[in-house]
PDB file of N, CA and C in Angstrom:
ATOM      1  N   MET A   1      59.280  35.098  13.011  1.00  0.00           N
ATOM      2  CA  MET A   1      58.958  35.431  11.609  1.00  0.00           C
ATOM      3  C   MET A   1      59.840  34.431  10.724  1.00  0.00           C
ATOM      4  N   ASN A   2      59.247  33.934   9.643  1.00  0.00           N
ATOM      5  CA  ASN A   2      60.083  33.073   8.674  1.00  0.00           C
ATOM      6  C   ASN A   2      61.350  33.791   8.190  1.00  0.00           C
ATOM      7  N   PRO A   3      62.523  33.142   8.299  1.00  0.00           N
ATOM      8  CA  PRO A   3      63.781  33.774   7.942  1.00  0.00           C
ATOM      9  C   PRO A   3      63.757  34.327   6.454  1.00  0.00           C
ATOM     10  N   THR A   4      63.064  33.718   5.524  1.00  0.00           N
ATOM     11  CA  THR A   4      62.938  34.140   4.262  1.00  0.00           C
ATOM     12  C   THR A   4      62.247  35.464   4.165  1.00  0.00           C
ATOM     13  N   ARG A   5      61.123  35.497   4.923  1.00  0.00           N
ATOM     14  CA  ARG A   5      60.215  36.687   4.921  1.00  0.00           C
ATOM     15  C   ARG A   5      61.113  37.843   5.638  1.00  0.00           C
ATOM     16  N   ARG A   6      61.818  37.506   6.591  1.00  0.00           N
ATOM     17  CA  ARG A   6      62.647  38.597   7.437  1.00  0.00           C
ATOM     18  C   ARG A   6      63.688  39.095   6.412  1.00  0.00           C
ATOM     19  N   ARG A   7      64.280  38.219   5.626  1.00  0.00           N
ATOM     20  CA  ARG A   7      65.217  38.730   4.570  1.00  0.00           C
ATOM     21  C   ARG A   7      64.748  39.588   3.553  1.00  0.00           C
ATOM     22  N   GLN A   8      63.305  39.290   3.126  1.00  0.00           N
ATOM     23  CA  GLN A   8      62.655  40.117   2.161  1.00  0.00           C
ATOM     24  C   GLN A   8      62.337  41.539   2.803  1.00  0.00           C
ATOM     25  N   PHE A   9      61.942  41.495   4.009  1.00  0.00           N
ATOM     26  CA  PHE A   9      61.600  42.739   4.793  1.00  0.00           C
ATOM     27  C   PHE A   9      62.925  43.728   4.888  1.00  0.00           C
ATOM     28  N   ASP A  10      63.971  42.887   5.293  1.00  0.00           N
ATOM     29  CA  ASP A  10      65.237  43.742   5.315  1.00  0.00           C
ATOM     30  C   ASP A  10      65.536  44.393   3.996  1.00  0.00           C
ATOM     31  N   HIS A  11      65.488  43.740   2.897  1.00  0.00           N
ATOM     32  CA  HIS A  11      65.755  44.306   1.663  1.00  0.00           C
ATOM     33  C   HIS A  11      64.837  45.469   1.339  1.00  0.00           C
ATOM     34  N   LEU A  12      63.510  45.192   1.637  1.00  0.00           N
ATOM     35  CA  LEU A  12      62.482  46.280   1.307  1.00  0.00           C
ATOM     36  C   LEU A  12      62.744  47.569   2.175  1.00  0.00           C
ATOM     37  N   GLY A  13      63.053  47.259   3.482  1.00  0.00           N
ATOM     38  CA  GLY A  13      63.287  48.426   4.456  1.00  0.00           C
ATOM     39  C   GLY A  13      64.521  49.289   3.900  1.00  0.00           C
ATOM     40  N   THR A  14      65.524  48.555   3.471  1.00  0.00           N
ATOM     41  CA  THR A  14      66.757  49.267   2.999  1.00  0.00           C
ATOM     42  C   THR A  14      66.334  50.120   1.781  1.00  0.00           C
ATOM     43  N   ALA A  15      65.591  49.523   1.002  1.00  0.00           N
ATOM     44  CA  ALA A  15      65.258  50.126  -0.408  1.00  0.00           C
ATOM     45  C   ALA A  15      64.340  51.395  -0.131  1.00  0.00           C
ATOM     46  N   ARG A  16      63.481  51.269   0.987  1.00  0.00           N
ATOM     47  CA  ARG A  16      62.524  52.323   1.306  1.00  0.00           C
ATOM     48  C   ARG A  16      63.431  53.597   1.779  1.00  0.00           C
ATOM     49  N   ARG A  17      64.385  53.195   2.705  1.00  0.00           N
ATOM     50  CA  ARG A  17      65.195  54.329   3.212  1.00  0.00           C
ATOM     51  C   ARG A  17      66.038  55.030   2.099  1.00  0.00           C
ATOM     52  N   GLU A  18      66.682  54.097   1.262  1.00  0.00           N
ATOM     53  CA  GLU A  18      67.498  54.800   0.097  1.00  0.00           C
ATOM     54  C   GLU A  18      66.574  55.558  -0.874  1.00  0.00           C
ATOM     55  N   LEU A  19      65.468  54.965  -1.185  1.00  0.00           N
ATOM     56  CA  LEU A  19      64.524  55.796  -2.040  1.00  0.00           C
ATOM     57  C   LEU A  19      64.079  57.076  -1.566  1.00  0.00           C
ATOM     58  N   LEU A  20      63.851  57.150  -0.259  1.00  0.00           N
ATOM     59  CA  LEU A  20      63.299  58.383   0.346  1.00  0.00           C
ATOM     60  C   LEU A  20      64.561  59.489   0.398  1.00  0.00           C
ATOM     61  N   SER A  21      65.712  58.847   0.551  1.00  0.00           N
ATOM     62  CA  SER A  21      66.925  59.672   0.555  1.00  0.00           C
ATOM     63  C   SER A  21      67.188  60.253  -0.900  1.00  0.00           C
ATOM     64  N   TRP A  22      66.957  59.403  -1.865  1.00  0.00           N
ATOM     65  CA  TRP A  22      67.153  59.741  -3.146  1.00  0.00           C
ATOM     66  C   TRP A  22      66.165  60.815  -3.587  1.00  0.00           C
ATOM     67  N   ALA A  23      64.861  60.679  -3.218  1.00  0.00           N
ATOM     68  CA  ALA A  23      63.845  61.544  -3.567  1.00  0.00           C
ATOM     69  C   ALA A  23      64.144  63.044  -2.944  1.00  0.00           C
ATOM     70  N   ALA A  24      64.628  62.965  -1.630  1.00  0.00           N
ATOM     71  CA  ALA A  24      64.944  64.231  -0.995  1.00  0.00           C
ATOM     72  C   ALA A  24      66.112  65.007  -1.737  1.00  0.00           C
ATOM     73  N   ALA A  25      67.072  64.140  -2.049  1.00  0.00           N
ATOM     74  CA  ALA A  25      68.260  64.851  -2.800  1.00  0.00           C
ATOM     75  C   ALA A  25      67.869  65.300  -4.132  1.00  0.00           C
ATOM     76  N   ASN A  26      66.865  64.792  -4.746  1.00  0.00           N
ATOM     77  CA  ASN A  26      66.304  65.293  -6.094  1.00  0.00           C
ATOM     78  C   ASN A  26      65.113  66.135  -6.005  1.00  0.00           C
ATOM     79  N   GLU A  27      64.806  66.612  -4.902  1.00  0.00           N
ATOM     80  CA  GLU A  27      63.699  67.418  -4.571  1.00  0.00           C
ATOM     81  C   GLU A  27      62.286  66.939  -5.117  1.00  0.00           C
ATOM     82  N   VAL A  28      62.150  65.667  -4.987  1.00  0.00           N
ATOM     83  CA  VAL A  28      60.830  64.870  -5.265  1.00  0.00           C
ATOM     84  C   VAL A  28      59.963  64.893  -4.166  1.00  0.00           C
ATOM     85  N   PRO A  29      58.781  65.383  -4.284  1.00  0.00           N
ATOM     86  CA  PRO A  29      57.915  65.353  -2.992  1.00  0.00           C
ATOM     87  C   PRO A  29      57.277  64.025  -2.519  1.00  0.00           C
ATOM     88  N   LEU A  30      58.165  63.005  -2.510  1.00  0.00           N
ATOM     89  CA  LEU A  30      57.820  61.757  -1.970  1.00  0.00           C
ATOM     90  C   LEU A  30      57.914  61.779  -0.436  1.00  0.00           C
ATOM     91  N   THR A  31      56.771  61.454   0.174  1.00  0.00           N
ATOM     92  CA  THR A  31      56.797  61.572   1.678  1.00  0.00           C
ATOM     93  C   THR A  31      56.784  60.284   2.292  1.00  0.00           C
ATOM     94  N   ARG A  32      56.488  59.224   1.726  1.00  0.00           N
ATOM     95  CA  ARG A  32      56.358  58.054   2.424  1.00  0.00           C
ATOM     96  C   ARG A  32      56.392  56.764   1.388  1.00  0.00           C
ATOM     97  N   VAL A  33      57.017  55.709   1.749  1.00  0.00           N
ATOM     98  CA  VAL A  33      57.028  54.423   1.031  1.00  0.00           C
ATOM     99  C   VAL A  33      56.615  53.348   1.902  1.00  0.00           C
ATOM    100  N   GLU A  34      55.539  52.635   1.550  1.00  0.00           N
ATOM    101  CA  GLU A  34      55.019  51.385   2.259  1.00  0.00           C
ATOM    102  C   GLU A  34      55.177  50.278   1.383  1.00  0.00           C
ATOM    103  N   PHE A  35      55.170  49.148   2.008  1.00  0.00           N
ATOM    104  CA  PHE A  35      55.028  47.838   1.197  1.00  0.00           C
ATOM    105  C   PHE A  35      54.135  46.835   1.939  1.00  0.00           C
ATOM    106  N   VAL A  36      53.378  46.014   1.133  1.00  0.00           N
ATOM    107  CA  VAL A  36      52.569  45.131   1.600  1.00  0.00           C
ATOM    108  C   VAL A  36      52.918  43.766   0.967  1.00  0.00           C
ATOM    109  N   VAL A  37      53.102  42.608   1.789  1.00  0.00           N
ATOM    110  CA  VAL A  37      53.303  41.407   1.175  1.00  0.00           C
ATOM    111  C   VAL A  37      52.145  40.442   1.655  1.00  0.00           C
ATOM    112  N   PRO A  38      51.937  39.427   0.915  1.00  0.00           N
ATOM    113  CA  PRO A  38      50.843  38.433   1.391  1.00  0.00           C
ATOM    114  C   PRO A  38      51.169  37.740   2.655  1.00  0.00           C
ATOM    115  N   PHE A  39      50.139  37.263   3.239  1.00  0.00           N
ATOM    116  CA  PHE A  39      50.278  36.457   4.511  1.00  0.00           C
ATOM    117  C   PHE A  39      50.860  35.226   4.222  1.00  0.00           C
ATOM    118  N   VAL A  40      50.671  34.700   3.073  1.00  0.00           N
ATOM    119  CA  VAL A  40      51.266  33.271   2.685  1.00  0.00           C
ATOM    120  C   VAL A  40      52.793  33.478   2.547  1.00  0.00           C
ATOM    121  N   PRO A  41      53.505  32.632   3.425  1.00  0.00           N
ATOM    122  CA  PRO A  41      54.880  32.798   3.476  1.00  0.00           C
ATOM    123  C   PRO A  41      55.659  32.326   2.089  1.00  0.00           C
ATOM    124  N   THR A  42      54.980  31.645   1.314  1.00  0.00           N
ATOM    125  CA  THR A  42      55.536  31.093   0.157  1.00  0.00           C
ATOM    126  C   THR A  42      55.343  32.083  -1.021  1.00  0.00           C
ATOM    127  N   ASP A  43      54.546  33.023  -0.840  1.00  0.00           N
ATOM    128  CA  ASP A  43      54.284  34.112  -1.831  1.00  0.00           C
ATOM    129  C   ASP A  43      55.163  35.332  -1.624  1.00  0.00           C
ATOM    130  N   SER A  44      55.987  35.590  -2.512  1.00  0.00           N
ATOM    131  CA  SER A  44      56.966  36.732  -2.212  1.00  0.00           C
ATOM    132  C   SER A  44      56.610  38.067  -3.057  1.00  0.00           C
ATOM    133  N   ASP A  45      55.332  38.004  -3.706  1.00  0.00           N
ATOM    134  CA  ASP A  45      54.894  39.256  -4.260  1.00  0.00           C
ATOM    135  C   ASP A  45      54.865  40.402  -3.263  1.00  0.00           C
ATOM    136  N   THR A  46      55.200  41.593  -3.831  1.00  0.00           N
ATOM    137  CA  THR A  46      55.090  42.828  -2.947  1.00  0.00           C
ATOM    138  C   THR A  46      54.382  43.941  -3.705  1.00  0.00           C
ATOM    139  N   ALA A  47      53.599  44.589  -2.880  1.00  0.00           N
ATOM    140  CA  ALA A  47      52.954  45.811  -3.380  1.00  0.00           C
ATOM    141  C   ALA A  47      53.627  47.008  -2.735  1.00  0.00           C
ATOM    142  N   VAL A  48      54.280  47.778  -3.611  1.00  0.00           N
ATOM    143  CA  VAL A  48      55.018  49.016  -3.018  1.00  0.00           C
ATOM    144  C   VAL A  48      54.186  50.230  -3.277  1.00  0.00           C
ATOM    145  N   TRP A  49      53.904  51.009  -2.172  1.00  0.00           N
ATOM    146  CA  TRP A  49      53.054  52.238  -2.221  1.00  0.00           C
ATOM    147  C   TRP A  49      53.916  53.476  -2.106  1.00  0.00           C
ATOM    148  N   LEU A  50      53.860  54.309  -3.070  1.00  0.00           N
ATOM    149  CA  LEU A  50      54.662  55.535  -3.053  1.00  0.00           C
ATOM    150  C   LEU A  50      53.667  56.679  -2.822  1.00  0.00           C
ATOM    151  N   PHE A  51      53.880  57.444  -1.663  1.00  0.00           N
ATOM    152  CA  PHE A  51      53.039  58.510  -1.340  1.00  0.00           C
ATOM    153  C   PHE A  51      53.642  59.796  -1.385  1.00  0.00           C
ATOM    154  N   PHE A  52      53.011  60.630  -2.329  1.00  0.00           N
ATOM    155  CA  PHE A  52      53.531  62.098  -2.472  1.00  0.00           C
ATOM    156  C   PHE A  52      52.716  62.941  -1.426  1.00  0.00           C
ATOM    157  N   ASP A  53      53.192  64.276  -1.350  1.00  0.00           N
ATOM    158  CA  ASP A  53      52.520  65.036  -0.363  1.00  0.00           C
ATOM    159  C   ASP A  53      51.150  65.376  -0.757  1.00  0.00           C
ATOM    160  N   THR A  54      50.815  65.756  -1.977  1.00  0.00           N
ATOM    161  CA  THR A  54      49.620  66.278  -2.432  1.00  0.00           C
ATOM    162  C   THR A  54      49.087  65.489  -3.665  1.00  0.00           C
ATOM    163  N   HIS A  55      47.778  65.558  -3.936  1.00  0.00           N
ATOM    164  CA  HIS A  55      47.310  64.900  -5.165  1.00  0.00           C
ATOM    165  C   HIS A  55      47.696  65.539  -6.319  1.00  0.00           C
ATOM    166  N   ALA A  56      47.954  66.853  -6.261  1.00  0.00           N
ATOM    167  CA  ALA A  56      48.459  67.530  -7.426  1.00  0.00           C
ATOM    168  C   ALA A  56      49.842  67.082  -7.811  1.00  0.00           C
ATOM    169  N   ASN A  57      50.677  66.823  -6.851  1.00  0.00           N
ATOM    170  CA  ASN A  57      52.061  66.323  -7.074  1.00  0.00           C
ATOM    171  C   ASN A  57      51.971  64.871  -7.568  1.00  0.00           C
ATOM    172  N   VAL A  58      50.946  64.048  -7.169  1.00  0.00           N
ATOM    173  CA  VAL A  58      50.816  62.664  -7.863  1.00  0.00           C
ATOM    174  C   VAL A  58      50.613  62.784  -9.260  1.00  0.00           C
ATOM    175  N   ALA A  59      49.749  63.754  -9.812  1.00  0.00           N
ATOM    176  CA  ALA A  59      49.466  63.945 -11.196  1.00  0.00           C
ATOM    177  C   ALA A  59      50.656  64.446 -11.912  1.00  0.00           C
ATOM    178  N   ARG A  60      51.304  65.513 -11.346  1.00  0.00           N
ATOM    179  CA  ARG A  60      52.591  66.114 -11.949  1.00  0.00           C
ATOM    180  C   ARG A  60      53.725  65.108 -12.009  1.00  0.00           C
ATOM    181  N   CYS A  61      53.909  64.351 -11.074  1.00  0.00           N
ATOM    182  CA  CYS A  61      55.086  63.401 -11.071  1.00  0.00           C
ATOM    183  C   CYS A  61      54.815  62.269 -12.055  1.00  0.00           C
ATOM    184  N   ALA A  62      53.466  61.841 -12.209  1.00  0.00           N
ATOM    185  CA  ALA A  62      53.087  60.859 -13.217  1.00  0.00           C
ATOM    186  C   ALA A  62      53.277  61.385 -14.599  1.00  0.00           C
ATOM    187  N   SER A  63      52.976  62.610 -14.811  1.00  0.00           N
ATOM    188  CA  SER A  63      53.028  63.147 -16.189  1.00  0.00           C
ATOM    189  C   SER A  63      54.384  63.569 -16.629  1.00  0.00           C
ATOM    190  N   ASN A  64      55.351  63.874 -15.621  1.00  0.00           N
ATOM    191  CA  ASN A  64      56.671  64.220 -16.116  1.00  0.00           C
ATOM    192  C   ASN A  64      57.591  63.150 -15.929  1.00  0.00           C
ATOM    193  N   GLY A  65      57.157  61.956 -15.656  1.00  0.00           N
ATOM    194  CA  GLY A  65      58.092  60.781 -15.595  1.00  0.00           C
ATOM    195  C   GLY A  65      58.700  60.359 -14.305  1.00  0.00           C
ATOM    196  N   VAL A  66      58.525  61.357 -13.219  1.00  0.00           N
ATOM    197  CA  VAL A  66      59.106  61.191 -11.992  1.00  0.00           C
ATOM    198  C   VAL A  66      58.760  59.834 -11.342  1.00  0.00           C
ATOM    199  N   THR A  67      57.415  59.534 -11.369  1.00  0.00           N
ATOM    200  CA  THR A  67      56.875  58.357 -10.682  1.00  0.00           C
ATOM    201  C   THR A  67      57.627  57.062 -11.415  1.00  0.00           C
ATOM    202  N   ALA A  68      57.669  57.025 -12.733  1.00  0.00           N
ATOM    203  CA  ALA A  68      58.509  55.977 -13.312  1.00  0.00           C
ATOM    204  C   ALA A  68      59.824  55.857 -12.822  1.00  0.00           C
ATOM    205  N   ARG A  69      60.519  57.026 -12.791  1.00  0.00           N
ATOM    206  CA  ARG A  69      61.857  57.062 -12.326  1.00  0.00           C
ATOM    207  C   ARG A  69      61.941  56.580 -10.936  1.00  0.00           C
ATOM    208  N   LEU A  70      61.016  56.878  -9.885  1.00  0.00           N
ATOM    209  CA  LEU A  70      61.099  56.326  -8.707  1.00  0.00           C
ATOM    210  C   LEU A  70      60.949  54.816  -8.614  1.00  0.00           C
ATOM    211  N   GLU A  71      60.014  54.259  -9.437  1.00  0.00           N
ATOM    212  CA  GLU A  71      59.790  52.847  -9.503  1.00  0.00           C
ATOM    213  C   GLU A  71      61.157  52.163  -9.968  1.00  0.00           C
ATOM    214  N   GLN A  72      61.831  52.757 -11.015  1.00  0.00           N
ATOM    215  CA  GLN A  72      62.989  52.104 -11.480  1.00  0.00           C
ATOM    216  C   GLN A  72      64.111  52.234 -10.427  1.00  0.00           C
ATOM    217  N   GLU A  73      64.203  53.361  -9.841  1.00  0.00           N
ATOM    218  CA  GLU A  73      65.160  53.497  -8.641  1.00  0.00           C
ATOM    219  C   GLU A  73      65.045  52.567  -7.695  1.00  0.00           C
ATOM    220  N   PHE A  74      63.671  52.277  -7.220  1.00  0.00           N
ATOM    221  CA  PHE A  74      63.505  51.273  -6.095  1.00  0.00           C
ATOM    222  C   PHE A  74      63.956  49.875  -6.521  1.00  0.00           C
ATOM    223  N   ARG A  75      63.549  49.528  -7.897  1.00  0.00           N
ATOM    224  CA  ARG A  75      63.971  48.182  -8.315  1.00  0.00           C
ATOM    225  C   ARG A  75      65.521  48.144  -8.481  1.00  0.00           C
ATOM    226  N   THR A  76      66.196  49.201  -8.784  1.00  0.00           N
ATOM    227  CA  THR A  76      67.677  49.186  -8.931  1.00  0.00           C
ATOM    228  C   THR A  76      68.216  48.968  -7.651  1.00  0.00           C
ATOM    229  N   ILE A  77      67.826  49.627  -6.574  1.00  0.00           N
ATOM    230  CA  ILE A  77      68.195  49.441  -5.265  1.00  0.00           C
ATOM    231  C   ILE A  77      68.006  48.070  -4.714  1.00  0.00           C
ATOM    232  N   LEU A  78      66.830  47.418  -4.999  1.00  0.00           N
ATOM    233  CA  LEU A  78      66.706  46.161  -4.582  1.00  0.00           C
ATOM    234  C   LEU A  78      67.579  45.150  -5.253  1.00  0.00           C
ATOM    235  N   THR A  79      67.835  45.332  -6.644  1.00  0.00           N
ATOM    236  CA  THR A  79      68.592  44.514  -7.448  1.00  0.00           C
ATOM    237  C   THR A  79      70.063  44.524  -6.872  1.00  0.00           C
ATOM    238  N   ARG A  80      70.580  45.793  -6.611  1.00  0.00           N
ATOM    239  CA  ARG A  80      71.874  45.992  -6.093  1.00  0.00           C
ATOM    240  C   ARG A  80      72.148  45.355  -4.791  1.00  0.00           C
ATOM    241  N   SER A  81      71.078  45.165  -3.926  1.00  0.00           N
ATOM    242  CA  SER A  81      71.140  44.737  -2.579  1.00  0.00           C
ATOM    243  C   SER A  81      71.038  43.132  -2.630  1.00  0.00           C
ATOM    244  N   GLY A  82      70.818  42.593  -3.716  1.00  0.00           N
ATOM    245  CA  GLY A  82      70.780  41.084  -3.874  1.00  0.00           C
ATOM    246  C   GLY A  82      69.391  40.603  -3.788  1.00  0.00           C
ATOM    247  N   TYR A  83      68.459  41.410  -3.936  1.00  0.00           N
ATOM    248  CA  TYR A  83      66.910  40.849  -3.911  1.00  0.00           C
ATOM    249  C   TYR A  83      66.772  39.912  -5.039  1.00  0.00           C
ATOM    250  N   PRO A  84      66.216  38.680  -4.774  1.00  0.00           N
ATOM    251  CA  PRO A  84      66.124  37.722  -5.817  1.00  0.00           C
ATOM    252  C   PRO A  84      65.238  38.196  -6.920  1.00  0.00           C
ATOM    253  N   ALA A  85      65.621  37.894  -8.225  1.00  0.00           N
ATOM    254  CA  ALA A  85      64.960  38.217  -9.336  1.00  0.00           C
ATOM    255  C   ALA A  85      63.513  37.701  -9.386  1.00  0.00           C
ATOM    256  N   GLU A  86      63.330  36.505  -8.838  1.00  0.00           N
ATOM    257  CA  GLU A  86      61.876  36.053  -8.785  1.00  0.00           C
ATOM    258  C   GLU A  86      61.038  36.872  -7.940  1.00  0.00           C
ATOM    259  N   TRP A  87      61.518  37.423  -6.918  1.00  0.00           N
ATOM    260  CA  TRP A  87      60.824  38.331  -5.939  1.00  0.00           C
ATOM    261  C   TRP A  87      60.591  39.643  -6.610  1.00  0.00           C
ATOM    262  N   LEU A  88      61.620  40.130  -7.397  1.00  0.00           N
ATOM    263  CA  LEU A  88      61.463  41.308  -8.036  1.00  0.00           C
ATOM    264  C   LEU A  88      60.443  41.344  -9.164  1.00  0.00           C
ATOM    265  N   ALA A  89      60.226  40.152  -9.736  1.00  0.00           N
ATOM    266  CA  ALA A  89      59.315  40.022 -10.806  1.00  0.00           C
ATOM    267  C   ALA A  89      57.911  40.169 -10.253  1.00  0.00           C
ATOM    268  N   GLY A  90      57.676  39.918  -8.917  1.00  0.00           N
ATOM    269  CA  GLY A  90      56.368  39.966  -8.359  1.00  0.00           C
ATOM    270  C   GLY A  90      56.179  41.404  -7.544  1.00  0.00           C
ATOM    271  N   THR A  91      56.971  42.368  -7.956  1.00  0.00           N
ATOM    272  CA  THR A  91      56.696  43.636  -7.379  1.00  0.00           C
ATOM    273  C   THR A  91      55.949  44.608  -8.257  1.00  0.00           C
ATOM    274  N   SER A  92      54.898  45.117  -7.598  1.00  0.00           N
ATOM    275  CA  SER A  92      54.067  46.100  -8.229  1.00  0.00           C
ATOM    276  C   SER A  92      53.981  47.474  -7.487  1.00  0.00           C
ATOM    277  N   PHE A  93      53.608  48.489  -8.278  1.00  0.00           N
ATOM    278  CA  PHE A  93      53.734  49.835  -7.633  1.00  0.00           C
ATOM    279  C   PHE A  93      52.378  50.494  -7.758  1.00  0.00           C
ATOM    280  N   TYR A  94      52.076  51.200  -6.563  1.00  0.00           N
ATOM    281  CA  TYR A  94      50.842  51.961  -6.454  1.00  0.00           C
ATOM    282  C   TYR A  94      51.226  53.301  -6.061  1.00  0.00           C
ATOM    283  N   VAL A  95      50.447  54.390  -6.401  1.00  0.00           N
ATOM    284  CA  VAL A  95      50.831  55.713  -5.972  1.00  0.00           C
ATOM    285  C   VAL A  95      49.568  56.443  -5.410  1.00  0.00           C
ATOM    286  N   ASP A  96      49.747  57.152  -4.389  1.00  0.00           N
ATOM    287  CA  ASP A  96      48.689  57.954  -3.677  1.00  0.00           C
ATOM    288  C   ASP A  96      49.337  59.166  -3.123  1.00  0.00           C
ATOM    289  N   SER A  97      48.504  60.031  -2.357  1.00  0.00           N
ATOM    290  CA  SER A  97      49.056  61.115  -1.660  1.00  0.00           C
ATOM    291  C   SER A  97      48.623  61.085  -0.230  1.00  0.00           C
ATOM    292  N   HIS A  98      49.567  61.735   0.613  1.00  0.00           N
ATOM    293  CA  HIS A  98      49.263  61.911   1.963  1.00  0.00           C
ATOM    294  C   HIS A  98      47.938  62.722   2.173  1.00  0.00           C
ATOM    295  N   GLU A  99      47.821  63.610   1.292  1.00  0.00           N
ATOM    296  CA  GLU A  99      46.508  64.523   1.286  1.00  0.00           C
ATOM    297  C   GLU A  99      45.291  63.590   1.261  1.00  0.00           C
ATOM    298  N   ASN A 100      45.271  62.508   0.332  1.00  0.00           N
ATOM    299  CA  ASN A 100      44.232  61.540   0.253  1.00  0.00           C
ATOM    300  C   ASN A 100      44.019  60.706   1.469  1.00  0.00           C
ATOM    301  N   VAL A 101      45.128  60.341   2.051  1.00  0.00           N
ATOM    302  CA  VAL A 101      45.122  59.456   3.335  1.00  0.00           C
ATOM    303  C   VAL A 101      44.447  60.325   4.403  1.00  0.00           C
ATOM    304  N   GLU A 102      44.744  61.586   4.616  1.00  0.00           N
ATOM    305  CA  GLU A 102      44.300  62.569   5.505  1.00  0.00           C
ATOM    306  C   GLU A 102      42.757  62.718   5.322  1.00  0.00           C
ATOM    307  N   ARG A 103      42.305  62.956   4.124  1.00  0.00           N
ATOM    308  CA  ARG A 103      41.005  63.200   3.691  1.00  0.00           C
ATOM    309  C   ARG A 103      39.988  62.087   3.782  1.00  0.00           C
ATOM    310  N   ASN A 104      40.410  60.965   3.329  1.00  0.00           N
ATOM    311  CA  ASN A 104      39.564  59.756   3.149  1.00  0.00           C
ATOM    312  C   ASN A 104      39.881  58.529   4.018  1.00  0.00           C
ATOM    313  N   TYR A 105      40.891  58.638   4.760  1.00  0.00           N
ATOM    314  CA  TYR A 105      41.311  57.463   5.616  1.00  0.00           C
ATOM    315  C   TYR A 105      41.586  57.843   7.012  1.00  0.00           C
ATOM    316  N   LYS A 106      41.122  58.994   7.378  1.00  0.00           N
ATOM    317  CA  LYS A 106      41.266  59.507   8.834  1.00  0.00           C
ATOM    318  C   LYS A 106      42.785  59.635   9.110  1.00  0.00           C
ATOM    319  N   GLY A 107      43.619  59.860   8.043  1.00  0.00           N
ATOM    320  CA  GLY A 107      45.112  59.975   8.402  1.00  0.00           C
ATOM    321  C   GLY A 107      45.735  58.608   8.606  1.00  0.00           C
ATOM    322  N   SER A 108      45.208  57.561   8.507  1.00  0.00           N
ATOM    323  CA  SER A 108      45.645  56.325   8.698  1.00  0.00           C
ATOM    324  C   SER A 108      46.242  55.486   7.532  1.00  0.00           C
ATOM    325  N   TYR A 109      47.389  55.373   7.467  1.00  0.00           N
ATOM    326  CA  TYR A 109      47.945  54.446   6.437  1.00  0.00           C
ATOM    327  C   TYR A 109      47.558  53.083   6.502  1.00  0.00           C
ATOM    328  N   PHE A 110      47.254  52.646   7.619  1.00  0.00           N
ATOM    329  CA  PHE A 110      46.896  51.150   7.859  1.00  0.00           C
ATOM    330  C   PHE A 110      45.512  51.081   7.167  1.00  0.00           C
ATOM    331  N   TYR A 111      44.556  52.020   7.388  1.00  0.00           N
ATOM    332  CA  TYR A 111      43.301  51.953   6.596  1.00  0.00           C
ATOM    333  C   TYR A 111      43.529  52.059   5.112  1.00  0.00           C
ATOM    334  N   ARG A 112      44.429  52.840   4.618  1.00  0.00           N
ATOM    335  CA  ARG A 112      44.674  53.076   3.204  1.00  0.00           C
ATOM    336  C   ARG A 112      45.095  51.870   2.651  1.00  0.00           C
ATOM    337  N   LEU A 113      45.954  51.184   3.300  1.00  0.00           N
ATOM    338  CA  LEU A 113      46.611  49.974   2.631  1.00  0.00           C
ATOM    339  C   LEU A 113      45.807  48.637   2.734  1.00  0.00           C
ATOM    340  N   ARG A 114      44.709  48.710   3.534  1.00  0.00           N
ATOM    341  CA  ARG A 114      43.947  47.507   3.622  1.00  0.00           C
ATOM    342  C   ARG A 114      43.227  47.120   2.370  1.00  0.00           C
TER     343      ARG A 114
END
């Protein structure tokens, strides 16, 4: 793997672990964080997927600001870890539920993220 991409994955992996820990400590029903990067090694854009346990919690967390707080916390973790600003600018967030993955993607996050 390209060393730059490995560095990016290391930062993202750390941010995932810290965000899940933060969510658990704050009783946020976040169950999974996934990220997708382009196959092109020179493109550092990242799609970050936040998965809540249920569709109802997706809606609740969006309406009460929790989803926006999670996105901000993820960005803060990345910034604190030295994630380059140009990479951070290309970071986008998507939200879904484990319930939806089970119902519509045969329980496969691989299928959901395709």
